[in-house]
């Protein structure tokens, strides 16, 4: 546990917990809530306050994917208070190694997991404080090379692309899939997540979720994923 610090970030973290719905005591770190779960199985318990930088494995990844990171990066920066910077920089760190601290390396690859349509986040954690370190995002190129991968509707197809990118980015920040046995049949299944009144699943819901509107695409759901990211940021000062 960290010793108590009489600093502005610590005070802000405590205030954040006080207003966040469904949370426990402001003095206690929280690792799950409605529609979100920390990726503690991967060693991530918090989100560091000093920011993260999105870089690209090559020019193709940068050209194809940089625009898709702007919405979630801006949302986390403004709503969570953790600066996320989308750069044009290239980073050749191999996927077998963690990149430099707080770098998120984006790759545009054909079937990076060997399965059609499956992307993957290789998240690293800081062994000193168990915060999100950064890592690699392996985004399946099939979403773009097959024009109707998600839908024959071009607008909806791009909405799904944006949500997939944010889904994998959420993993790097420390969010796990929040699926649970909603129908109580003894099995946790795909798409079994809390549902908003409007019918939206958390972005982190497996295999995919998020807003299905042009204005909401790529954003973390306020009551679910975003609440989780705020809590992970607060956890940094509470552990």
Protein backbone atom coordinates (compact mmCIF):
# COMPACT_ATOMS: atom_id res chain seq x y z
CA UNK A 1 0.00 0.00 0.00
CA UNK A 2 1.17 3.55 -0.70
CA UNK A 3 1.44 5.92 2.24
CA UNK A 4 -1.25 8.62 2.27
CA UNK A 5 -0.28 11.66 0.24
CA UNK A 6 -1.78 15.10 0.77
CA UNK A 7 -1.59 15.98 -2.91
CA UNK A 8 -4.09 17.41 -5.34
CA UNK A 9 -4.26 14.20 -7.45
CA UNK A 10 -5.02 12.19 -4.32
CA UNK A 11 -7.79 14.58 -3.35
CA UNK A 12 -9.21 14.46 -6.86
CA UNK A 13 -9.13 10.68 -6.80
CA UNK A 14 -11.08 10.65 -3.56
CA UNK A 15 -13.66 13.06 -4.97
CA UNK A 16 -13.96 10.93 -8.07
CA UNK A 17 -14.76 7.87 -6.02
CA UNK A 18 -17.30 9.78 -4.02
CA UNK A 19 -19.39 10.54 -7.11
CA UNK A 20 -18.79 7.37 -9.12
CA UNK A 21 -21.88 5.15 -9.11
CA UNK A 22 -21.77 1.80 -7.36
CA UNK A 23 -18.32 2.24 -5.85
CA UNK A 24 -17.10 1.38 -2.38
CA UNK A 25 -15.23 3.57 0.08
CA UNK A 26 -13.05 6.37 -1.29
CA UNK A 27 -10.20 4.88 0.73
CA UNK A 28 -10.38 1.50 -0.97
CA UNK A 29 -9.28 0.54 -4.50
CA UNK A 30 -12.04 -1.08 -6.55
CA UNK A 31 -11.48 -3.62 -9.32
CA UNK A 32 -14.96 -4.17 -10.75
CA UNK A 33 -18.28 -2.44 -11.10
CA UNK A 34 -21.38 -2.39 -13.26
CA UNK A 35 -20.29 -3.09 -16.81
CA UNK A 36 -16.55 -3.14 -16.16
CA UNK A 37 -13.81 -5.28 -14.65
CA UNK A 38 -10.11 -4.59 -14.10
CA UNK A 39 -7.71 -6.91 -15.91
CA UNK A 40 -6.09 -8.03 -12.66
CA UNK A 41 -5.42 -11.46 -14.16
CA UNK A 42 -2.94 -9.67 -16.39
CA UNK A 43 -1.40 -7.79 -13.47
CA UNK A 44 -3.10 -4.43 -14.09
CA UNK A 45 -4.77 -2.79 -11.10
CA UNK A 46 -4.54 0.90 -11.96
CA UNK A 47 -3.96 3.50 -14.64
CA UNK A 48 -0.99 5.84 -14.22
CA UNK A 49 -1.72 9.60 -14.26
CA UNK A 50 1.22 10.77 -16.35
CA UNK A 51 -0.18 9.72 -19.70
CA UNK A 52 0.32 7.28 -22.55
CA UNK A 53 1.52 7.67 -26.12
CA UNK A 54 0.12 5.85 -29.13
CA UNK A 55 2.73 5.02 -31.76
CA UNK A 56 2.72 2.75 -34.82
CA UNK A 57 4.64 -0.29 -35.94
CA UNK A 58 4.89 0.90 -39.55
CA UNK A 59 3.57 3.44 -42.00
CA UNK A 60 0.63 1.28 -43.05
CA UNK A 61 -0.57 0.96 -39.46
CA UNK A 62 -0.21 4.71 -39.00
CA UNK A 63 -2.09 5.58 -42.18
CA UNK A 64 -4.93 3.12 -41.64
CA UNK A 65 -5.42 3.32 -37.90
CA UNK A 66 -4.32 6.70 -36.51
CA UNK A 67 -7.73 8.34 -37.14
CA UNK A 68 -9.50 5.59 -35.17
CA UNK A 69 -7.62 6.41 -31.97
CA UNK A 70 -8.50 10.09 -31.83
CA UNK A 71 -11.97 9.68 -30.31
CA UNK A 72 -11.06 7.32 -27.44
CA UNK A 73 -7.81 9.18 -26.78
CA UNK A 74 -9.64 12.50 -26.46
CA UNK A 75 -12.34 10.94 -24.27
CA UNK A 76 -9.87 9.45 -21.80
CA UNK A 77 -7.82 12.64 -21.75
CA UNK A 78 -10.79 14.90 -21.03
CA UNK A 79 -13.03 12.62 -18.94
CA UNK A 80 -10.53 10.51 -17.02
CA UNK A 81 -7.76 13.10 -16.76
CA UNK A 82 -5.04 10.78 -18.08
CA UNK A 83 -3.39 12.32 -21.17
CA UNK A 84 -3.47 10.04 -24.22
CA UNK A 85 -1.45 11.33 -27.17
CA UNK A 86 -1.85 9.97 -30.69
CA UNK A 87 1.45 10.58 -32.48
CA UNK A 88 2.83 9.90 -35.95
CA UNK A 89 5.90 8.18 -34.52
CA UNK A 90 7.01 4.72 -35.59
CA UNK A 91 8.21 2.13 -33.08
CA UNK A 92 9.89 -1.12 -34.09
CA UNK A 93 9.69 -2.86 -30.70
CA UNK A 94 8.90 -6.51 -31.47
CA UNK A 95 5.60 -7.85 -30.17
CA UNK A 96 7.54 -10.32 -28.05
CA UNK A 97 8.84 -7.43 -25.90
CA UNK A 98 7.17 -4.67 -23.94
CA UNK A 99 7.81 -1.23 -25.46
CA UNK A 100 9.12 1.72 -23.50
CA UNK A 101 7.06 2.89 -20.53
CA UNK A 102 3.58 4.09 -21.51
CA UNK A 103 4.07 3.48 -25.24
CA UNK A 104 1.23 1.72 -27.05
CA UNK A 105 2.43 0.25 -30.34
CA UNK A 106 -0.28 -0.29 -32.95
CA UNK A 107 0.07 -3.04 -35.56
CA UNK A 108 -2.06 -3.58 -38.69
CA UNK A 109 -1.82 -7.31 -39.37
CA UNK A 110 -3.67 -10.05 -41.19
CA UNK A 111 -5.21 -12.43 -38.64
CA UNK A 112 -2.70 -11.68 -35.85
CA UNK A 113 -4.13 -14.46 -33.68
CA UNK A 114 -4.46 -16.94 -36.54
CA UNK A 115 -8.25 -16.63 -36.42
CA UNK A 116 -10.41 -14.69 -38.85
CA UNK A 117 -11.58 -11.35 -37.54
CA UNK A 118 -9.85 -11.52 -34.17
CA UNK A 119 -7.64 -8.70 -32.90
CA UNK A 120 -5.56 -8.84 -29.73
CA UNK A 121 -4.09 -6.60 -27.05
CA UNK A 122 -0.73 -7.57 -25.59
CA UNK A 123 -0.85 -5.49 -22.43
CA UNK A 124 2.15 -5.02 -20.16
CA UNK A 125 2.06 -3.93 -16.54
CA UNK A 126 4.42 -1.98 -14.32
CA UNK A 127 5.90 -4.47 -11.88
CA UNK A 128 6.68 -1.68 -9.42
CA UNK A 129 3.09 -0.55 -8.86
CA UNK A 130 0.88 -2.84 -11.02
CA UNK A 131 -0.33 0.02 -13.20
CA UNK A 132 -0.89 -0.23 -16.93
CA UNK A 133 2.49 0.00 -18.68
CA UNK A 134 1.45 0.04 -22.34
CA UNK A 135 1.99 -2.71 -24.87
CA UNK A 136 1.00 -3.78 -28.37
CA UNK A 137 -2.32 -3.63 -30.18
CA UNK A 138 -2.64 -6.19 -32.98
CA UNK A 139 -5.54 -5.04 -35.16
CA UNK A 140 -6.83 -7.44 -37.81
CA UNK A 141 -6.52 -5.89 -41.29
CA UNK A 142 -9.52 -7.89 -42.53
CA UNK A 143 -11.85 -5.24 -41.12
CA UNK A 144 -10.59 -2.93 -43.88
CA UNK A 145 -9.54 -5.28 -46.69
CA UNK A 146 -13.01 -6.88 -46.64
CA UNK A 147 -15.29 -3.90 -47.17
CA UNK A 148 -18.37 -5.64 -45.71
CA UNK A 149 -16.65 -7.43 -42.85
CA UNK A 150 -19.11 -6.35 -40.16
CA UNK A 151 -22.02 -5.08 -42.24
CA UNK A 152 -23.09 -4.33 -45.81
CA UNK A 153 -23.97 -0.86 -44.52
CA UNK A 154 -20.79 1.21 -44.90
CA UNK A 155 -21.60 3.51 -41.98
CA UNK A 156 -22.34 0.65 -39.60
CA UNK A 157 -19.25 -1.20 -40.82
CA UNK A 158 -17.05 1.73 -39.80
CA UNK A 159 -18.86 2.05 -36.46
CA UNK A 160 -17.83 -1.53 -35.68
CA UNK A 161 -14.23 -0.79 -36.68
CA UNK A 162 -14.08 2.16 -34.30
CA UNK A 163 -15.51 0.11 -31.45
CA UNK A 164 -13.06 -2.74 -32.03
CA UNK A 165 -10.11 -0.34 -31.86
CA UNK A 166 -11.42 1.16 -28.61
CA UNK A 167 -12.10 -2.33 -27.21
CA UNK A 168 -8.47 -3.35 -27.66
CA UNK A 169 -7.21 0.00 -26.36
CA UNK A 170 -9.32 -0.52 -23.24
CA UNK A 171 -7.47 -3.76 -22.58
CA UNK A 172 -4.14 -1.93 -22.70
CA UNK A 173 -5.50 0.51 -20.12
CA UNK A 174 -6.42 -2.38 -17.84
CA UNK A 175 -10.04 -3.26 -18.64
CA UNK A 176 -11.05 -6.91 -18.92
CA UNK A 177 -14.16 -8.37 -20.55
CA UNK A 178 -17.11 -7.73 -18.19
CA UNK A 179 -19.16 -10.71 -19.41
CA UNK A 180 -21.12 -12.59 -16.76
CA UNK A 181 -23.81 -15.26 -16.58
CA UNK A 182 -26.68 -12.85 -17.16
CA UNK A 183 -29.24 -15.52 -18.10
CA UNK A 184 -28.15 -17.77 -15.22
CA UNK A 185 -27.74 -20.89 -17.33
CA UNK A 186 -24.38 -21.74 -15.77
CA UNK A 187 -22.30 -20.48 -18.72
CA UNK A 188 -20.76 -17.09 -19.41
CA UNK A 189 -21.32 -16.55 -23.12
CA UNK A 190 -20.49 -14.05 -25.84
CA UNK A 191 -22.41 -10.79 -25.52
CA UNK A 192 -23.56 -11.66 -21.98
CA UNK A 193 -22.99 -8.25 -20.44
CA UNK A 194 -25.03 -5.54 -18.78
CA UNK A 195 -27.19 -3.68 -21.29
CA UNK A 196 -27.99 0.04 -21.10
CA UNK A 197 -31.55 1.34 -21.34
CA UNK A 198 -30.77 2.26 -24.94
CA UNK A 199 -29.63 -1.29 -25.67
CA UNK A 200 -25.87 -0.73 -25.75
CA UNK A 201 -23.30 -3.16 -24.37
CA UNK A 202 -20.00 -2.03 -22.81
CA UNK A 203 -17.26 -1.55 -25.41
CA UNK A 204 -15.25 -4.20 -23.56
CA UNK A 205 -18.03 -6.80 -23.80
CA UNK A 206 -16.72 -9.88 -25.61
CA UNK A 207 -16.59 -10.31 -28.51
CA UNK A 208 -17.65 -6.70 -29.11
CA UNK A 209 -19.93 -3.95 -27.87
CA UNK A 210 -20.21 -0.19 -27.83
CA UNK A 211 -22.49 2.46 -29.19
CA UNK A 212 -23.92 1.70 -32.63
CA UNK A 213 -24.30 5.33 -33.63
CA UNK A 214 -22.05 7.60 -35.67
CA UNK A 215 -21.73 10.08 -32.80
CA UNK A 216 -21.00 7.41 -30.18
CA UNK A 217 -18.79 5.05 -32.17
CA UNK A 218 -15.36 4.54 -30.63
CA UNK A 219 -16.35 6.01 -27.27
CA UNK A 220 -16.25 4.13 -23.99
CA UNK A 221 -19.73 3.89 -22.49
CA UNK A 222 -20.04 6.49 -19.75
CA UNK A 223 -21.70 4.31 -17.12
CA UNK A 224 -19.61 1.22 -17.82
CA UNK A 225 -16.16 1.34 -19.45
CA UNK A 226 -15.52 5.00 -18.71
CA UNK A 227 -16.51 4.56 -15.07
CA UNK A 228 -14.03 1.69 -14.91
CA UNK A 229 -11.22 3.77 -16.38
CA UNK A 230 -11.93 6.54 -13.86
CA UNK A 231 -11.73 4.01 -11.07
CA UNK A 232 -8.46 2.58 -12.39
CA UNK A 233 -7.04 6.11 -12.43
CA UNK A 234 -8.21 6.62 -8.84
CA UNK A 235 -6.76 3.24 -7.83
CA UNK A 236 -3.28 4.52 -8.65
CA UNK A 237 -3.44 6.75 -5.57
CA UNK A 238 -5.33 4.32 -3.40
CA UNK A 239 -3.07 1.26 -3.61
